[in-house]
Amino acid sequence: MNPSSSPSSGAKPVSEWRDVYDFLDQVRLRPGMFVRGGSLLELQSILYGYRVASEIYGPEAETDFEHQGPFAAWLWPRLGMRYGSPRGWAAEITKAAEAAGRPAMDLFFDLLDEFKAEHSPKAR
């Protein structure tokens, strides 16, 4: 991999994205470019569209961001919730961020980093 195209060094062209996590790396770098108003509800909608498009156009992508998917199941205990929320993960992270006085997008990426660390092949 070219050092200038690594996720930590900056933007990558769409042609180099392999999966939803590559997309999220780009959102992290420039949230205003991808997500209107920095809204996690907007991001959740984009991720849902990603999954639907992958089903239609293939290959079907595995995403962790379904309403009751792996990220949501992992998230509920982190937010002190016993069961899933009918409002969805984006609304609940936004609520938690407001209570903590921090941007929802920042909290989402902190949680995403934890989720990825715990669910990486090395963590198993």
C-alpha atoms as a PDB file:
ATOM      1  CA  MET A   1       0.000   0.000   0.000  1.00  0.00           C
ATOM      2  CA  ASN A   2       1.189   3.460  -0.839  1.00  0.00           C
ATOM      3  CA  PRO A   3       1.900   5.414   2.396  1.00  0.00           C
ATOM      4  CA  SER A   4      -0.001   8.418   1.071  1.00  0.00           C
ATOM      5  CA  SER A   5      -3.156   6.328   0.704  1.00  0.00           C
ATOM      6  CA  SER A   6      -3.246   4.837   4.203  1.00  0.00           C
ATOM      7  CA  PRO A   7      -6.332   5.767   6.251  1.00  0.00           C
ATOM      8  CA  SER A   8      -4.248   7.593   8.822  1.00  0.00           C
ATOM      9  CA  SER A   9      -2.593   9.846   6.258  1.00  0.00           C
ATOM     10  CA  GLY A  10      -5.611  11.261   4.506  1.00  0.00           C
ATOM     11  CA  ALA A  11      -8.209  10.992   1.851  1.00  0.00           C
ATOM     12  CA  LYS A  12      -8.414   8.024  -0.499  1.00  0.00           C
ATOM     13  CA  PRO A  13     -10.272   7.950  -3.789  1.00  0.00           C
ATOM     14  CA  VAL A  14     -13.488   5.930  -3.836  1.00  0.00           C
ATOM     15  CA  SER A  15     -11.836   3.420  -6.147  1.00  0.00           C
ATOM     16  CA  GLU A  16      -9.571   2.410  -3.237  1.00  0.00           C
ATOM     17  CA  TRP A  17     -12.354   1.839  -0.708  1.00  0.00           C
ATOM     18  CA  ARG A  18     -12.785  -1.857   0.061  1.00  0.00           C
ATOM     19  CA  ASP A  19     -15.659  -1.816   2.521  1.00  0.00           C
ATOM     20  CA  VAL A  20     -17.879   0.253   4.771  1.00  0.00           C
ATOM     21  CA  TYR A  21     -15.008   0.826   7.183  1.00  0.00           C
ATOM     22  CA  ASP A  22     -12.980   2.520   4.454  1.00  0.00           C
ATOM     23  CA  PHE A  23     -15.971   4.775   3.851  1.00  0.00           C
ATOM     24  CA  LEU A  24     -16.176   5.536   7.577  1.00  0.00           C
ATOM     25  CA  ASP A  25     -12.455   6.370   7.625  1.00  0.00           C
ATOM     26  CA  GLN A  26     -13.190   9.045   5.044  1.00  0.00           C
ATOM     27  CA  VAL A  27     -16.190  10.334   6.984  1.00  0.00           C
ATOM     28  CA  ARG A  28     -13.973  10.651  10.063  1.00  0.00           C
ATOM     29  CA  LEU A  29     -11.525  12.804   8.083  1.00  0.00           C
ATOM     30  CA  ARG A  30     -14.210  15.081   6.585  1.00  0.00           C
ATOM     31  CA  PRO A  31     -17.586  14.578   8.237  1.00  0.00           C
ATOM     32  CA  GLY A  32     -19.014  17.783   6.782  1.00  0.00           C
ATOM     33  CA  MET A  33     -18.358  16.549   3.268  1.00  0.00           C
ATOM     34  CA  PHE A  34     -20.256  13.297   3.737  1.00  0.00           C
ATOM     35  CA  VAL A  35     -22.830  13.890   6.473  1.00  0.00           C
ATOM     36  CA  ARG A  36     -25.155  16.861   6.416  1.00  0.00           C
ATOM     37  CA  GLY A  37     -24.922  18.810   9.669  1.00  0.00           C
ATOM     38  CA  GLY A  38     -22.804  16.117  11.324  1.00  0.00           C
ATOM     39  CA  SER A  39     -26.012  14.222  12.065  1.00  0.00           C
ATOM     40  CA  LEU A  40     -25.660  10.601  13.078  1.00  0.00           C
ATOM     41  CA  LEU A  41     -29.200  10.017  11.826  1.00  0.00           C
ATOM     42  CA  GLU A  42     -27.961  11.079   8.391  1.00  0.00           C
ATOM     43  CA  LEU A  43     -24.972   8.756   8.716  1.00  0.00           C
ATOM     44  CA  GLN A  44     -27.218   5.885   9.767  1.00  0.00           C
ATOM     45  CA  SER A  45     -29.340   6.494   6.657  1.00  0.00           C
ATOM     46  CA  ILE A  46     -26.240   6.499   4.451  1.00  0.00           C
ATOM     47  CA  LEU A  47     -25.109   3.196   5.960  1.00  0.00           C
ATOM     48  CA  TYR A  48     -28.542   1.695   5.389  1.00  0.00           C
ATOM     49  CA  GLY A  49     -28.389   2.836   1.768  1.00  0.00           C
ATOM     50  CA  TYR A  50     -24.946   1.269   1.460  1.00  0.00           C
ATOM     51  CA  ARG A  51     -26.326  -2.081   2.575  1.00  0.00           C
ATOM     52  CA  VAL A  52     -29.342  -1.888   0.274  1.00  0.00           C
ATOM     53  CA  ALA A  53     -27.189  -0.928  -2.722  1.00  0.00           C
ATOM     54  CA  SER A  54     -24.839  -3.814  -2.035  1.00  0.00           C
ATOM     55  CA  GLU A  55     -27.793  -6.215  -2.012  1.00  0.00           C
ATOM     56  CA  ILE A  56     -29.098  -4.857  -5.300  1.00  0.00           C
ATOM     57  CA  TYR A  57     -25.841  -4.453  -7.181  1.00  0.00           C
ATOM     58  CA  GLY A  58     -23.673  -6.981  -5.339  1.00  0.00           C
ATOM     59  CA  PRO A  59     -21.618  -8.296  -3.995  1.00  0.00           C
ATOM     60  CA  GLU A  60     -23.699  -8.214  -0.858  1.00  0.00           C
ATOM     61  CA  ALA A  61     -21.669  -6.435   1.794  1.00  0.00           C
ATOM     62  CA  GLU A  62     -21.679  -7.371   5.408  1.00  0.00           C
ATOM     63  CA  THR A  63     -22.326  -4.325   7.511  1.00  0.00           C
ATOM     64  CA  ASP A  64     -22.391  -4.084  11.248  1.00  0.00           C
ATOM     65  CA  PHE A  65     -24.740  -1.115  11.359  1.00  0.00           C
ATOM     66  CA  GLU A  66     -28.201  -2.594  10.932  1.00  0.00           C
ATOM     67  CA  HIS A  67     -30.845  -1.416  13.385  1.00  0.00           C
ATOM     68  CA  GLN A  68     -30.369  -4.588  15.449  1.00  0.00           C
ATOM     69  CA  GLY A  69     -26.975  -5.523  14.002  1.00  0.00           C
ATOM     70  CA  PRO A  70     -23.693  -6.311  15.724  1.00  0.00           C
ATOM     71  CA  PHE A  71     -22.753  -2.682  16.428  1.00  0.00           C
ATOM     72  CA  ALA A  72     -26.135  -1.954  18.035  1.00  0.00           C
ATOM     73  CA  ALA A  73     -26.037  -5.142  20.123  1.00  0.00           C
ATOM     74  CA  TRP A  74     -22.549  -4.240  21.309  1.00  0.00           C
ATOM     75  CA  LEU A  75     -23.539  -0.617  21.946  1.00  0.00           C
ATOM     76  CA  TRP A  76     -26.558  -1.002  24.238  1.00  0.00           C
ATOM     77  CA  PRO A  77     -24.609  -2.115  27.336  1.00  0.00           C
ATOM     78  CA  ARG A  78     -22.036   0.660  26.715  1.00  0.00           C
ATOM     79  CA  LEU A  79     -24.841   3.186  26.925  1.00  0.00           C
ATOM     80  CA  GLY A  80     -26.323   1.567  30.037  1.00  0.00           C
ATOM     81  CA  MET A  81     -29.244   0.077  28.159  1.00  0.00           C
ATOM     82  CA  ARG A  82     -30.442  -3.422  28.822  1.00  0.00           C
ATOM     83  CA  TYR A  83     -32.255  -3.864  25.526  1.00  0.00           C
ATOM     84  CA  GLY A  84     -32.070  -2.305  22.107  1.00  0.00           C
ATOM     85  CA  SER A  85     -33.661   1.011  21.389  1.00  0.00           C
ATOM     86  CA  PRO A  86     -36.523   1.453  18.935  1.00  0.00           C
ATOM     87  CA  ARG A  87     -34.946   4.821  18.145  1.00  0.00           C
ATOM     88  CA  GLY A  88     -31.772   3.174  16.825  1.00  0.00           C
ATOM     89  CA  TRP A  89     -28.093   3.523  17.546  1.00  0.00           C
ATOM     90  CA  ALA A  90     -27.706   6.969  15.959  1.00  0.00           C
ATOM     91  CA  ALA A  91     -30.396   8.543  18.121  1.00  0.00           C
ATOM     92  CA  GLU A  92     -29.050   6.935  21.283  1.00  0.00           C
ATOM     93  CA  ILE A  93     -25.449   7.992  20.633  1.00  0.00           C
ATOM     94  CA  THR A  94     -26.671  11.518  19.886  1.00  0.00           C
ATOM     95  CA  LYS A  95     -28.590  11.551  23.174  1.00  0.00           C
ATOM     96  CA  ALA A  96     -25.533  10.291  25.101  1.00  0.00           C
ATOM     97  CA  ALA A  97     -23.278  12.857  23.409  1.00  0.00           C
ATOM     98  CA  GLU A  98     -25.640  15.712  24.285  1.00  0.00           C
ATOM     99  CA  ALA A  99     -25.670  14.556  27.919  1.00  0.00           C
ATOM    100  CA  ALA A 100     -21.856  14.467  27.900  1.00  0.00           C
ATOM    101  CA  GLY A 101     -21.582  17.845  26.181  1.00  0.00           C
ATOM    102  CA  ARG A 102     -19.647  16.570  23.190  1.00  0.00           C
ATOM    103  CA  PRO A 103     -20.237  16.228  19.460  1.00  0.00           C
ATOM    104  CA  ALA A 104     -22.196  13.110  18.547  1.00  0.00           C
ATOM    105  CA  MET A 105     -19.899  12.337  15.616  1.00  0.00           C
ATOM    106  CA  ASP A 106     -16.867  12.312  17.939  1.00  0.00           C
ATOM    107  CA  LEU A 107     -18.590   9.935  20.349  1.00  0.00           C
ATOM    108  CA  PHE A 108     -19.631   7.688  17.465  1.00  0.00           C
ATOM    109  CA  PHE A 109     -16.046   7.365  16.243  1.00  0.00           C
ATOM    110  CA  ASP A 110     -14.750   6.701  19.757  1.00  0.00           C
ATOM    111  CA  LEU A 111     -17.333   3.930  20.115  1.00  0.00           C
ATOM    112  CA  LEU A 112     -16.580   2.623  16.636  1.00  0.00           C
ATOM    113  CA  ASP A 113     -12.889   2.352  17.523  1.00  0.00           C
ATOM    114  CA  GLU A 114     -13.770   0.330  20.631  1.00  0.00           C
ATOM    115  CA  PHE A 115     -16.142  -1.889  18.651  1.00  0.00           C
ATOM    116  CA  LYS A 116     -13.548  -2.559  15.956  1.00  0.00           C
ATOM    117  CA  ALA A 117     -10.843  -3.307  18.549  1.00  0.00           C
ATOM    118  CA  GLU A 118     -13.078  -5.829  20.299  1.00  0.00           C
ATOM    119  CA  HIS A 119     -14.309  -7.429  17.086  1.00  0.00           C
ATOM    120  CA  SER A 120     -11.078  -7.626  15.141  1.00  0.00           C
ATOM    121  CA  PRO A 121      -9.693 -11.089  14.420  1.00  0.00           C
ATOM    122  CA  LYS A 122      -6.847 -10.369  16.880  1.00  0.00           C
ATOM    123  CA  ALA A 123      -9.323  -9.680  19.701  1.00  0.00           C
ATOM    124  CA  ARG A 124     -10.988 -13.096  19.313  1.00  0.00           C
END
